[in-house]
């Protein structure tokens, strides 16, 4: 009877041990299954996440996002040429003198972009551009300058209306090599003083930025700037000490 009693206890203990073992196995299986599900979920979410378009960052001649997107409302008003402004019609010529590089001569088309040309000419006549710089250089794309802050966040006291088709203004000028155009933030009417000169054709900018003229002489200067200036990132940022200096912009007629 004593042995039977002990055998019964042993059997009960063994059964309990097996039950615990099976329970642990079940728990381990559940944990393993949950780990698989979580891993698959992370892979799925990673695959569905939007990818950063680094090319867009480097191929857009915009003023940096540090500038307020509603910059136009923080200034007095949009610049408007006077009714008798000679720079708001016809063809005009300008020369950009760049220290240690040479001169870039431009023909400006006020019949296509009267506000833009007038604004550019008057800023130049007022010596606004003297000693400013080209703060952004992207080889195979463009050079950008005319910012008093030297980092893409500044401008003149007034913004101008964006004279390009996406903003309701007919402008047939294409962003081909040598074309000068206005930089802006994502706001259509945020251009002010910053401009860029194309080194190579970039059709994706057509209708999105206000082109207003063409280099007639001095593309070798643009090429030299693109070739020689050291940049800090793929956005074309140039350190202050390395920025080519615009000694003066002269409006010749």
C-alpha atoms as a PDB file:
ATOM      1  CA  UNK A   1       0.000   0.000   0.000  1.00  0.00           C
ATOM      2  CA  UNK A   2       2.863   2.275   0.810  1.00  0.00           C
ATOM      3  CA  UNK A   3       4.476   1.562  -2.599  1.00  0.00           C
ATOM      4  CA  UNK A   4       1.166   2.086  -4.369  1.00  0.00           C
ATOM      5  CA  UNK A   5       0.762   5.380  -2.592  1.00  0.00           C
ATOM      6  CA  UNK A   6       4.265   6.478  -3.616  1.00  0.00           C
ATOM      7  CA  UNK A   7       3.701   5.345  -7.210  1.00  0.00           C
ATOM      8  CA  UNK A   8       0.502   7.356  -7.289  1.00  0.00           C
ATOM      9  CA  UNK A   9       2.339  10.440  -5.994  1.00  0.00           C
ATOM     10  CA  UNK A  10       5.142   9.870  -8.526  1.00  0.00           C
ATOM     11  CA  UNK A  11       2.658   9.563 -11.361  1.00  0.00           C
ATOM     12  CA  UNK A  12       0.928  12.748 -10.282  1.00  0.00           C
ATOM     13  CA  UNK A  13       4.245  14.586 -10.020  1.00  0.00           C
ATOM     14  CA  UNK A  14       5.342  13.327 -13.433  1.00  0.00           C
ATOM     15  CA  UNK A  15       2.043  14.376 -14.948  1.00  0.00           C
ATOM     16  CA  UNK A  16       2.419  17.830 -13.403  1.00  0.00           C
ATOM     17  CA  UNK A  17       5.977  18.113 -14.745  1.00  0.00           C
ATOM     18  CA  UNK A  18       4.867  17.150 -18.240  1.00  0.00           C
ATOM     19  CA  UNK A  19       2.038  19.674 -18.060  1.00  0.00           C
ATOM     20  CA  UNK A  20       4.460  22.453 -17.045  1.00  0.00           C
ATOM     21  CA  UNK A  21       6.873  21.406 -19.784  1.00  0.00           C
ATOM     22  CA  UNK A  22       4.112  21.464 -22.371  1.00  0.00           C
ATOM     23  CA  UNK A  23       2.957  24.835 -21.053  1.00  0.00           C
ATOM     24  CA  UNK A  24       6.470  26.268 -21.388  1.00  0.00           C
ATOM     25  CA  UNK A  25       6.714  24.886 -24.915  1.00  0.00           C
ATOM     26  CA  UNK A  26       3.402  26.517 -25.794  1.00  0.00           C
ATOM     27  CA  UNK A  27       4.574  29.818 -24.301  1.00  0.00           C
ATOM     28  CA  UNK A  28       7.880  29.616 -26.182  1.00  0.00           C
ATOM     29  CA  UNK A  29       5.994  28.957 -29.415  1.00  0.00           C
ATOM     30  CA  UNK A  30       3.700  31.929 -28.808  1.00  0.00           C
ATOM     31  CA  UNK A  31       6.684  34.208 -28.078  1.00  0.00           C
ATOM     32  CA  UNK A  32       8.476  32.967 -31.215  1.00  0.00           C
ATOM     33  CA  UNK A  33       5.364  33.551 -33.312  1.00  0.00           C
ATOM     34  CA  UNK A  34       4.941  37.083 -31.918  1.00  0.00           C
ATOM     35  CA  UNK A  35       8.587  37.870 -32.705  1.00  0.00           C
ATOM     36  CA  UNK A  36       8.067  36.737 -36.307  1.00  0.00           C
ATOM     37  CA  UNK A  37       4.921  38.878 -36.628  1.00  0.00           C
ATOM     38  CA  UNK A  38       6.677  41.976 -35.218  1.00  0.00           C
ATOM     39  CA  UNK A  39       9.660  41.493 -37.558  1.00  0.00           C
ATOM     40  CA  UNK A  40       7.412  41.141 -40.597  1.00  0.00           C
ATOM     41  CA  UNK A  41       5.477  44.264 -39.551  1.00  0.00           C
ATOM     42  CA  UNK A  42       8.678  46.309 -39.294  1.00  0.00           C
ATOM     43  CA  UNK A  43       9.832  45.121 -42.709  1.00  0.00           C
ATOM     44  CA  UNK A  44       6.450  46.040 -44.211  1.00  0.00           C
ATOM     45  CA  UNK A  45       6.412  49.494 -42.627  1.00  0.00           C
ATOM     46  CA  UNK A  46       9.972  50.143 -43.788  1.00  0.00           C
ATOM     47  CA  UNK A  47       9.069  49.172 -47.341  1.00  0.00           C
ATOM     48  CA  UNK A  48       6.036  51.472 -47.319  1.00  0.00           C
ATOM     49  CA  UNK A  49       7.777  54.521 -45.820  1.00  0.00           C
ATOM     50  CA  UNK A  50       8.325  57.486 -48.191  1.00  0.00           C
ATOM     51  CA  UNK A  51      11.907  57.743 -49.406  1.00  0.00           C
ATOM     52  CA  UNK A  52      13.919  60.950 -49.186  1.00  0.00           C
ATOM     53  CA  UNK A  53      14.570  62.459 -52.578  1.00  0.00           C
ATOM     54  CA  UNK A  54      18.124  63.774 -52.244  1.00  0.00           C
ATOM     55  CA  UNK A  55      18.249  64.715 -55.933  1.00  0.00           C
ATOM     56  CA  UNK A  56      15.382  67.177 -55.444  1.00  0.00           C
ATOM     57  CA  UNK A  57      17.306  68.861 -52.649  1.00  0.00           C
ATOM     58  CA  UNK A  58      20.320  69.471 -54.860  1.00  0.00           C
ATOM     59  CA  UNK A  59      18.488  70.281 -58.093  1.00  0.00           C
ATOM     60  CA  UNK A  60      16.167  73.012 -56.844  1.00  0.00           C
ATOM     61  CA  UNK A  61      17.509  76.596 -56.869  1.00  0.00           C
ATOM     62  CA  UNK A  62      15.354  77.653 -53.945  1.00  0.00           C
ATOM     63  CA  UNK A  63      16.183  79.810 -50.983  1.00  0.00           C
ATOM     64  CA  UNK A  64      16.746  77.616 -47.938  1.00  0.00           C
ATOM     65  CA  UNK A  65      13.778  76.605 -45.809  1.00  0.00           C
ATOM     66  CA  UNK A  66      15.100  78.778 -42.976  1.00  0.00           C
ATOM     67  CA  UNK A  67      13.397  81.678 -44.743  1.00  0.00           C
ATOM     68  CA  UNK A  68       9.782  82.013 -43.680  1.00  0.00           C
ATOM     69  CA  UNK A  69       7.402  80.555 -46.253  1.00  0.00           C
ATOM     70  CA  UNK A  70       5.116  83.594 -45.824  1.00  0.00           C
ATOM     71  CA  UNK A  71       8.013  86.010 -46.257  1.00  0.00           C
ATOM     72  CA  UNK A  72       5.950  88.113 -48.656  1.00  0.00           C
ATOM     73  CA  UNK A  73       3.497  89.018 -45.899  1.00  0.00           C
ATOM     74  CA  UNK A  74       6.264  90.032 -43.482  1.00  0.00           C
ATOM     75  CA  UNK A  75       7.597  92.713 -45.854  1.00  0.00           C
ATOM     76  CA  UNK A  76       5.974  96.010 -46.709  1.00  0.00           C
ATOM     77  CA  UNK A  77       4.443  94.872 -50.012  1.00  0.00           C
ATOM     78  CA  UNK A  78       5.319  93.292 -53.337  1.00  0.00           C
ATOM     79  CA  UNK A  79       7.589  95.436 -55.466  1.00  0.00           C
ATOM     80  CA  UNK A  80       5.788  97.211 -58.316  1.00  0.00           C
ATOM     81  CA  UNK A  81       7.666  99.161 -61.018  1.00  0.00           C
ATOM     82  CA  UNK A  82       6.668 102.760 -61.584  1.00  0.00           C
ATOM     83  CA  UNK A  83       4.512 103.428 -64.631  1.00  0.00           C
ATOM     84  CA  UNK A  84       7.395 105.239 -66.355  1.00  0.00           C
ATOM     85  CA  UNK A  85      10.135 102.828 -65.266  1.00  0.00           C
ATOM     86  CA  UNK A  86      12.528 102.407 -68.185  1.00  0.00           C
ATOM     87  CA  UNK A  87      13.704  99.037 -66.857  1.00  0.00           C
ATOM     88  CA  UNK A  88      10.205  97.537 -66.984  1.00  0.00           C
ATOM     89  CA  UNK A  89      10.179  97.204 -70.757  1.00  0.00           C
ATOM     90  CA  UNK A  90      12.563  96.394 -73.567  1.00  0.00           C
ATOM     91  CA  UNK A  91      16.018  94.856 -73.406  1.00  0.00           C
ATOM     92  CA  UNK A  92      18.725  95.830 -70.929  1.00  0.00           C
ATOM     93  CA  UNK A  93      22.283  94.756 -70.286  1.00  0.00           C
ATOM     94  CA  UNK A  94      24.160  94.064 -67.072  1.00  0.00           C
ATOM     95  CA  UNK A  95      27.663  93.030 -66.068  1.00  0.00           C
ATOM     96  CA  UNK A  96      28.386  90.984 -62.947  1.00  0.00           C
ATOM     97  CA  UNK A  97      31.971  91.436 -61.773  1.00  0.00           C
ATOM     98  CA  UNK A  98      33.227  88.481 -59.726  1.00  0.00           C
ATOM     99  CA  UNK A  99      36.470  88.902 -57.786  1.00  0.00           C
ATOM    100  CA  UNK A 100      39.308  86.627 -58.983  1.00  0.00           C
ATOM    101  CA  UNK A 101      37.107  85.125 -61.707  1.00  0.00           C
ATOM    102  CA  UNK A 102      36.137  87.835 -64.187  1.00  0.00           C
ATOM    103  CA  UNK A 103      32.945  89.324 -65.609  1.00  0.00           C
ATOM    104  CA  UNK A 104      29.614  87.845 -66.659  1.00  0.00           C
ATOM    105  CA  UNK A 105      27.683  89.901 -69.215  1.00  0.00           C
ATOM    106  CA  UNK A 106      23.905  89.546 -69.413  1.00  0.00           C
ATOM    107  CA  UNK A 107      21.024  90.540 -71.662  1.00  0.00           C
ATOM    108  CA  UNK A 108      17.825  91.058 -69.649  1.00  0.00           C
ATOM    109  CA  UNK A 109      14.360  90.725 -71.206  1.00  0.00           C
ATOM    110  CA  UNK A 110      11.878  93.083 -69.554  1.00  0.00           C
ATOM    111  CA  UNK A 111       9.235  92.368 -72.181  1.00  0.00           C
ATOM    112  CA  UNK A 112       8.989  88.841 -70.757  1.00  0.00           C
ATOM    113  CA  UNK A 113       9.592  89.586 -67.060  1.00  0.00           C
ATOM    114  CA  UNK A 114       9.163  93.338 -66.465  1.00  0.00           C
ATOM    115  CA  UNK A 115       8.853  93.186 -62.669  1.00  0.00           C
ATOM    116  CA  UNK A 116      11.835  90.883 -62.299  1.00  0.00           C
ATOM    117  CA  UNK A 117      14.098  92.905 -64.597  1.00  0.00           C
ATOM    118  CA  UNK A 118      13.061  96.206 -63.024  1.00  0.00           C
ATOM    119  CA  UNK A 119      13.697  94.893 -59.517  1.00  0.00           C
ATOM    120  CA  UNK A 120      17.103  93.451 -60.478  1.00  0.00           C
ATOM    121  CA  UNK A 121      18.202  96.619 -62.279  1.00  0.00           C
ATOM    122  CA  UNK A 122      17.186  98.963 -59.467  1.00  0.00           C
ATOM    123  CA  UNK A 123      18.880  96.812 -56.829  1.00  0.00           C
ATOM    124  CA  UNK A 124      22.040  96.865 -58.940  1.00  0.00           C
ATOM    125  CA  UNK A 125      21.794 100.642 -59.511  1.00  0.00           C
ATOM    126  CA  UNK A 126      21.457 101.096 -55.737  1.00  0.00           C
ATOM    127  CA  UNK A 127      24.653  99.046 -55.188  1.00  0.00           C
ATOM    128  CA  UNK A 128      22.662  96.397 -53.311  1.00  0.00           C
ATOM    129  CA  UNK A 129      24.730  93.572 -54.805  1.00  0.00           C
ATOM    130  CA  UNK A 130      28.128  95.121 -54.078  1.00  0.00           C
ATOM    131  CA  UNK A 131      30.301  92.670 -52.096  1.00  0.00           C
ATOM    132  CA  UNK A 132      27.610  89.998 -51.882  1.00  0.00           C
ATOM    133  CA  UNK A 133      28.509  86.459 -52.937  1.00  0.00           C
ATOM    134  CA  UNK A 134      27.630  83.257 -54.726  1.00  0.00           C
ATOM    135  CA  UNK A 135      26.728  81.154 -51.698  1.00  0.00           C
ATOM    136  CA  UNK A 136      25.494  78.046 -53.522  1.00  0.00           C
ATOM    137  CA  UNK A 137      27.285  76.228 -56.339  1.00  0.00           C
ATOM    138  CA  UNK A 138      26.267  72.932 -57.941  1.00  0.00           C
ATOM    139  CA  UNK A 139      28.491  71.737 -60.757  1.00  0.00           C
ATOM    140  CA  UNK A 140      26.455  70.621 -63.735  1.00  0.00           C
ATOM    141  CA  UNK A 141      23.466  72.678 -62.564  1.00  0.00           C
ATOM    142  CA  UNK A 142      23.821  76.333 -61.544  1.00  0.00           C
ATOM    143  CA  UNK A 143      25.405  79.015 -59.338  1.00  0.00           C
ATOM    144  CA  UNK A 144      23.231  81.037 -56.935  1.00  0.00           C
ATOM    145  CA  UNK A 145      23.951  84.384 -55.286  1.00  0.00           C
ATOM    146  CA  UNK A 146      22.671  87.808 -54.295  1.00  0.00           C
ATOM    147  CA  UNK A 147      21.834  87.074 -50.651  1.00  0.00           C
ATOM    148  CA  UNK A 148      22.914  89.727 -48.097  1.00  0.00           C
ATOM    149  CA  UNK A 149      22.996  86.990 -45.436  1.00  0.00           C
ATOM    150  CA  UNK A 150      25.247  84.794 -47.555  1.00  0.00           C
ATOM    151  CA  UNK A 151      23.396  81.601 -46.674  1.00  0.00           C
ATOM    152  CA  UNK A 152      20.209  81.559 -48.739  1.00  0.00           C
ATOM    153  CA  UNK A 153      17.903  83.094 -46.139  1.00  0.00           C
ATOM    154  CA  UNK A 154      18.083  86.792 -47.002  1.00  0.00           C
ATOM    155  CA  UNK A 155      16.826  89.256 -49.564  1.00  0.00           C
ATOM    156  CA  UNK A 156      15.911  92.860 -50.272  1.00  0.00           C
ATOM    157  CA  UNK A 157      13.233  94.862 -48.453  1.00  0.00           C
ATOM    158  CA  UNK A 158      10.488  93.755 -50.861  1.00  0.00           C
ATOM    159  CA  UNK A 159       9.536  90.531 -52.582  1.00  0.00           C
ATOM    160  CA  UNK A 160       8.358  90.401 -56.188  1.00  0.00           C
ATOM    161  CA  UNK A 161       5.605  88.588 -58.020  1.00  0.00           C
ATOM    162  CA  UNK A 162       6.843  85.327 -59.490  1.00  0.00           C
ATOM    163  CA  UNK A 163       6.715  85.811 -63.265  1.00  0.00           C
ATOM    164  CA  UNK A 164       6.388  82.184 -64.368  1.00  0.00           C
ATOM    165  CA  UNK A 165       3.564  80.113 -65.834  1.00  0.00           C
ATOM    166  CA  UNK A 166       2.810  78.081 -62.695  1.00  0.00           C
ATOM    167  CA  UNK A 167       2.022  81.436 -61.053  1.00  0.00           C
ATOM    168  CA  UNK A 168      -0.273  82.578 -63.856  1.00  0.00           C
ATOM    169  CA  UNK A 169       2.285  84.629 -65.806  1.00  0.00           C
ATOM    170  CA  UNK A 170       3.291  83.752 -69.374  1.00  0.00           C
ATOM    171  CA  UNK A 171       7.069  83.388 -69.548  1.00  0.00           C
ATOM    172  CA  UNK A 172       8.477  81.448 -72.521  1.00  0.00           C
ATOM    173  CA  UNK A 173      12.124  81.648 -71.413  1.00  0.00           C
ATOM    174  CA  UNK A 174      13.595  78.191 -70.829  1.00  0.00           C
ATOM    175  CA  UNK A 175      16.182  77.279 -68.224  1.00  0.00           C
ATOM    176  CA  UNK A 176      18.972  76.516 -70.663  1.00  0.00           C
ATOM    177  CA  UNK A 177      22.695  76.996 -70.161  1.00  0.00           C
ATOM    178  CA  UNK A 178      23.446  80.668 -69.454  1.00  0.00           C
ATOM    179  CA  UNK A 179      19.918  81.695 -68.454  1.00  0.00           C
ATOM    180  CA  UNK A 180      19.552  83.869 -65.344  1.00  0.00           C
ATOM    181  CA  UNK A 181      16.505  83.297 -63.154  1.00  0.00           C
ATOM    182  CA  UNK A 182      15.183  84.206 -59.708  1.00  0.00           C
ATOM    183  CA  UNK A 183      15.550  81.963 -56.666  1.00  0.00           C
ATOM    184  CA  UNK A 184      12.618  81.664 -54.281  1.00  0.00           C
ATOM    185  CA  UNK A 185      11.186  79.573 -51.466  1.00  0.00           C
ATOM    186  CA  UNK A 186       8.138  77.354 -52.042  1.00  0.00           C
ATOM    187  CA  UNK A 187       5.942  80.482 -51.976  1.00  0.00           C
ATOM    188  CA  UNK A 188       5.367  81.703 -55.541  1.00  0.00           C
ATOM    189  CA  UNK A 189       5.874  85.394 -54.738  1.00  0.00           C
ATOM    190  CA  UNK A 190       8.875  85.031 -52.413  1.00  0.00           C
ATOM    191  CA  UNK A 191      11.706  85.985 -54.801  1.00  0.00           C
ATOM    192  CA  UNK A 192      13.569  89.134 -53.842  1.00  0.00           C
ATOM    193  CA  UNK A 193      17.259  89.582 -54.627  1.00  0.00           C
ATOM    194  CA  UNK A 194      18.650  86.062 -54.996  1.00  0.00           C
ATOM    195  CA  UNK A 195      19.278  84.881 -58.545  1.00  0.00           C
ATOM    196  CA  UNK A 196      20.883  81.894 -60.208  1.00  0.00           C
ATOM    197  CA  UNK A 197      22.665  81.293 -63.507  1.00  0.00           C
ATOM    198  CA  UNK A 198      22.287  77.950 -65.252  1.00  0.00           C
ATOM    199  CA  UNK A 199      25.425  75.991 -66.111  1.00  0.00           C
ATOM    200  CA  UNK A 200      23.438  73.307 -67.925  1.00  0.00           C
ATOM    201  CA  UNK A 201      19.959  72.963 -69.401  1.00  0.00           C
ATOM    202  CA  UNK A 202      17.361  71.988 -66.765  1.00  0.00           C
ATOM    203  CA  UNK A 203      13.910  71.790 -68.330  1.00  0.00           C
ATOM    204  CA  UNK A 204      12.258  70.802 -65.042  1.00  0.00           C
ATOM    205  CA  UNK A 205      12.605  74.420 -63.869  1.00  0.00           C
ATOM    206  CA  UNK A 206      10.680  75.844 -66.829  1.00  0.00           C
ATOM    207  CA  UNK A 207       7.425  77.420 -65.721  1.00  0.00           C
ATOM    208  CA  UNK A 208       8.430  77.139 -62.054  1.00  0.00           C
ATOM    209  CA  UNK A 209      10.970  79.960 -61.750  1.00  0.00           C
ATOM    210  CA  UNK A 210      11.148  83.446 -63.267  1.00  0.00           C
ATOM    211  CA  UNK A 211      13.823  83.366 -65.966  1.00  0.00           C
ATOM    212  CA  UNK A 212      14.585  86.900 -67.122  1.00  0.00           C
ATOM    213  CA  UNK A 213      17.724  86.961 -69.222  1.00  0.00           C
ATOM    214  CA  UNK A 214      20.711  85.240 -70.776  1.00  0.00           C
ATOM    215  CA  UNK A 215      24.497  85.339 -70.438  1.00  0.00           C
ATOM    216  CA  UNK A 216      26.002  86.829 -73.615  1.00  0.00           C
ATOM    217  CA  UNK A 217      29.624  86.631 -72.506  1.00  0.00           C
ATOM    218  CA  UNK A 218      31.405  85.084 -69.546  1.00  0.00           C
ATOM    219  CA  UNK A 219      30.116  81.525 -69.316  1.00  0.00           C
ATOM    220  CA  UNK A 220      33.747  80.584 -68.768  1.00  0.00           C
ATOM    221  CA  UNK A 221      33.434  82.434 -65.448  1.00  0.00           C
ATOM    222  CA  UNK A 222      30.351  80.417 -64.514  1.00  0.00           C
ATOM    223  CA  UNK A 223      32.163  77.208 -65.473  1.00  0.00           C
ATOM    224  CA  UNK A 224      35.236  78.195 -63.456  1.00  0.00           C
ATOM    225  CA  UNK A 225      33.130  78.864 -60.366  1.00  0.00           C
ATOM    226  CA  UNK A 226      31.438  75.480 -60.744  1.00  0.00           C
ATOM    227  CA  UNK A 227      34.788  73.733 -61.237  1.00  0.00           C
ATOM    228  CA  UNK A 228      36.868  75.435 -58.551  1.00  0.00           C
ATOM    229  CA  UNK A 229      34.617  76.338 -55.620  1.00  0.00           C
ATOM    230  CA  UNK A 230      34.581  73.797 -52.787  1.00  0.00           C
ATOM    231  CA  UNK A 231      31.128  72.861 -51.488  1.00  0.00           C
ATOM    232  CA  UNK A 232      30.111  71.373 -48.146  1.00  0.00           C
ATOM    233  CA  UNK A 233      27.229  69.130 -49.212  1.00  0.00           C
ATOM    234  CA  UNK A 234      25.144  67.933 -52.165  1.00  0.00           C
ATOM    235  CA  UNK A 235      22.982  71.044 -51.793  1.00  0.00           C
ATOM    236  CA  UNK A 236      25.908  73.143 -53.015  1.00  0.00           C
ATOM    237  CA  UNK A 237      26.477  75.031 -49.758  1.00  0.00           C
ATOM    238  CA  UNK A 238      29.679  77.082 -49.883  1.00  0.00           C
ATOM    239  CA  UNK A 239      31.520  78.091 -46.711  1.00  0.00           C
ATOM    240  CA  UNK A 240      31.664  81.867 -46.199  1.00  0.00           C
ATOM    241  CA  UNK A 241      35.418  81.999 -46.731  1.00  0.00           C
ATOM    242  CA  UNK A 242      35.111  80.191 -50.072  1.00  0.00           C
ATOM    243  CA  UNK A 243      32.193  82.144 -51.574  1.00  0.00           C
ATOM    244  CA  UNK A 244      33.060  84.028 -54.801  1.00  0.00           C
ATOM    245  CA  UNK A 245      32.488  87.741 -54.208  1.00  0.00           C
ATOM    246  CA  UNK A 246      30.288  89.868 -56.461  1.00  0.00           C
ATOM    247  CA  UNK A 247      32.209  93.125 -56.415  1.00  0.00           C
ATOM    248  CA  UNK A 248      29.543  94.959 -58.401  1.00  0.00           C
ATOM    249  CA  UNK A 249      26.667  94.564 -60.844  1.00  0.00           C
ATOM    250  CA  UNK A 250      26.570  97.330 -63.431  1.00  0.00           C
ATOM    251  CA  UNK A 251      23.505  98.117 -65.556  1.00  0.00           C
ATOM    252  CA  UNK A 252      24.840  99.463 -68.833  1.00  0.00           C
ATOM    253  CA  UNK A 253      21.534 100.400 -70.512  1.00  0.00           C
END
